[in-house]
Protein backbone atom coordinates (compact mmCIF):
# COMPACT_ATOMS: atom_id res chain seq x y z
CA MET A 1 -0.07 0.07 -0.06
CA ARG A 2 2.71 2.33 0.90
CA HIS A 3 4.23 1.91 -2.89
CA LEU A 4 0.92 2.89 -4.37
CA LEU A 5 0.79 6.03 -2.13
CA LEU A 6 4.21 7.10 -3.00
CA SER A 7 3.88 6.47 -6.57
CA GLY A 8 0.40 8.07 -6.51
CA LEU A 9 2.37 11.13 -4.83
CA PHE A 10 5.15 11.14 -7.61
CA PHE A 11 2.27 10.93 -10.36
CA LEU A 12 1.00 14.14 -8.79
CA PHE A 13 4.26 15.70 -8.90
CA ALA A 14 4.55 14.72 -12.55
CA ALA A 15 0.82 16.55 -12.87
CA PHE A 16 1.65 19.82 -11.16
CA GLN A 17 4.42 20.44 -14.24
CA TYR A 18 1.81 20.64 -16.47
CA ASN A 19 2.22 24.52 -16.64
CA ASP A 20 6.15 24.64 -16.15
CA PRO A 21 7.87 26.20 -19.47
CA ASP A 22 10.18 22.84 -19.38
CA PHE A 23 7.11 20.50 -18.37
CA TYR A 24 8.64 18.17 -21.16
CA ILE A 25 11.71 17.55 -18.69
CA TRP A 26 9.94 17.33 -15.53
CA VAL A 27 6.88 15.31 -16.27
CA PRO A 28 9.03 12.42 -17.57
CA ILE A 29 11.52 12.79 -14.38
CA TYR A 30 8.76 12.44 -11.89
CA MET A 31 6.69 9.85 -13.95
CA VAL A 32 9.78 7.66 -14.23
CA VAL A 33 9.80 7.40 -10.42
CA ALA A 34 5.90 6.87 -10.29
CA ILE A 35 6.18 3.98 -12.50
CA VAL A 36 9.32 2.21 -11.29
CA VAL A 37 7.86 2.47 -7.54
CA PHE A 38 4.32 1.20 -8.52
CA PHE A 39 5.90 -1.90 -10.49
CA PHE A 40 8.05 -2.33 -7.28
CA GLY A 41 5.08 -2.28 -5.27
CA ARG A 42 3.46 -5.24 -7.46
CA GLY A 43 6.48 -7.04 -7.25
CA VAL A 44 7.68 -6.60 -11.02
CA TYR A 45 11.12 -5.01 -10.68
CA ASN A 46 14.88 -5.36 -11.87
CA PRO A 47 17.34 -4.32 -8.76
CA SER A 48 19.78 -3.10 -11.55
CA ILE A 49 17.04 -0.34 -12.73
CA PHE A 50 17.00 1.07 -9.27
CA LYS A 51 20.92 1.61 -9.33
CA VAL A 52 21.14 3.01 -12.90
CA LEU A 53 18.34 5.74 -12.35
CA THR A 54 19.74 6.39 -9.15
CA ALA A 55 22.93 7.09 -10.78
CA LEU A 56 21.33 9.35 -13.64
CA TYR A 57 19.20 11.55 -11.21
CA ILE A 58 22.52 12.39 -9.22
CA LEU A 59 24.18 12.84 -12.54
CA ALA A 60 21.60 15.44 -13.49
CA MET A 61 22.09 17.06 -9.94
CA PHE A 62 25.37 17.98 -10.90
CA LEU A 63 24.05 19.97 -13.83
CA TYR A 64 22.73 22.39 -11.28
CA TYR A 65 25.79 22.51 -8.95
CA PRO A 66 26.93 25.71 -10.28
CA GLU A 67 23.62 27.35 -9.35
CA VAL A 68 23.43 25.74 -5.80
CA ILE A 69 27.13 27.60 -5.46
CA ASN A 70 25.85 30.85 -6.41
CA TRP A 71 22.48 30.40 -4.25
CA ILE A 72 24.98 29.38 -1.17
CA LYS A 73 26.83 32.53 -1.98
CA GLU A 74 23.91 34.74 -1.95
CA GLY A 75 23.23 33.74 1.64
CA THR A 76 20.71 30.87 0.95
CA PRO A 77 17.50 32.98 0.39
CA SER A 78 14.53 31.48 0.44
CA ILE A 79 12.88 29.77 -2.33
CA THR A 80 9.50 28.87 -1.03
CA GLY A 81 8.41 32.74 -0.88
CA SER A 82 6.28 32.34 -3.92
CA MET A 83 5.58 30.00 -7.02
CA LYS A 84 6.98 32.58 -8.99
CA ALA A 85 10.57 32.67 -9.20
CA GLU A 86 11.93 36.00 -8.76
CA SER A 87 15.47 35.25 -9.26
CA PRO A 88 17.08 33.13 -11.64
CA PHE A 89 18.62 30.67 -9.30
CA ILE A 90 15.34 29.85 -7.57
CA GLU A 91 13.89 27.98 -10.47
CA PHE A 92 17.19 26.07 -10.87
CA ILE A 93 17.47 25.43 -6.75
CA ARG A 94 13.99 23.76 -6.80
CA GLU A 95 14.90 21.55 -9.76
CA PHE A 96 18.09 20.56 -7.98
CA PHE A 97 16.18 19.73 -4.75
CA GLY A 98 13.05 17.72 -6.77
CA LEU A 99 16.36 15.58 -8.30
CA GLY A 100 17.56 15.05 -5.05
CA ILE A 101 14.11 13.70 -3.65
CA CYS A 102 13.57 11.48 -6.59
CA ALA A 103 17.44 10.26 -6.19
CA LEU A 104 16.65 9.66 -2.28
CA VAL A 105 13.60 7.35 -3.29
CA LEU A 106 15.37 5.41 -5.96
CA ALA A 107 18.24 4.68 -3.70
CA TYR A 108 15.91 3.49 -1.14
CA TYR A 109 14.01 1.43 -3.41
CA SER A 110 17.56 0.16 -4.80
CA TYR A 111 18.24 -0.56 -0.77
CA LEU A 112 14.82 -2.70 -0.65
CA ALA A 113 15.16 -4.34 -4.36
CA GLY A 114 18.39 -5.68 -3.40
CA ASN A 115 17.10 -6.80 0.25
CA LYS A 116 14.32 -8.89 -1.39
CA ARG A 117 16.70 -10.39 -3.86
CA VAL A 118 19.08 -11.76 -1.12
CA ASN A 119 15.83 -12.59 1.23
CA SER A 120 14.02 -14.39 -1.47
């Protein structure tokens, strides 16, 4: 049940991207996580998929590294003030954290998938 709820949450994350200018990037990013978590809950998964996806999401986070450094140099101003990004780095930082959440979930499921294979 928890896998279905988490999958649904990531489907919602994807749905909320419909009005984003770069929705064609972010809808698939969240949908991939939703789909693999859903299938894990159904017992249909390959442990290697979680490892590969975790690595890809972490690599994608590195693309945002310069913006994270700029944000820190600015004194880490709030990124939650409004939905409209007033300064350029706000959108990048939000995307960085979105990728981080995806990577954490995928790493957790990689751990679970490895334990299921060992325990089976």
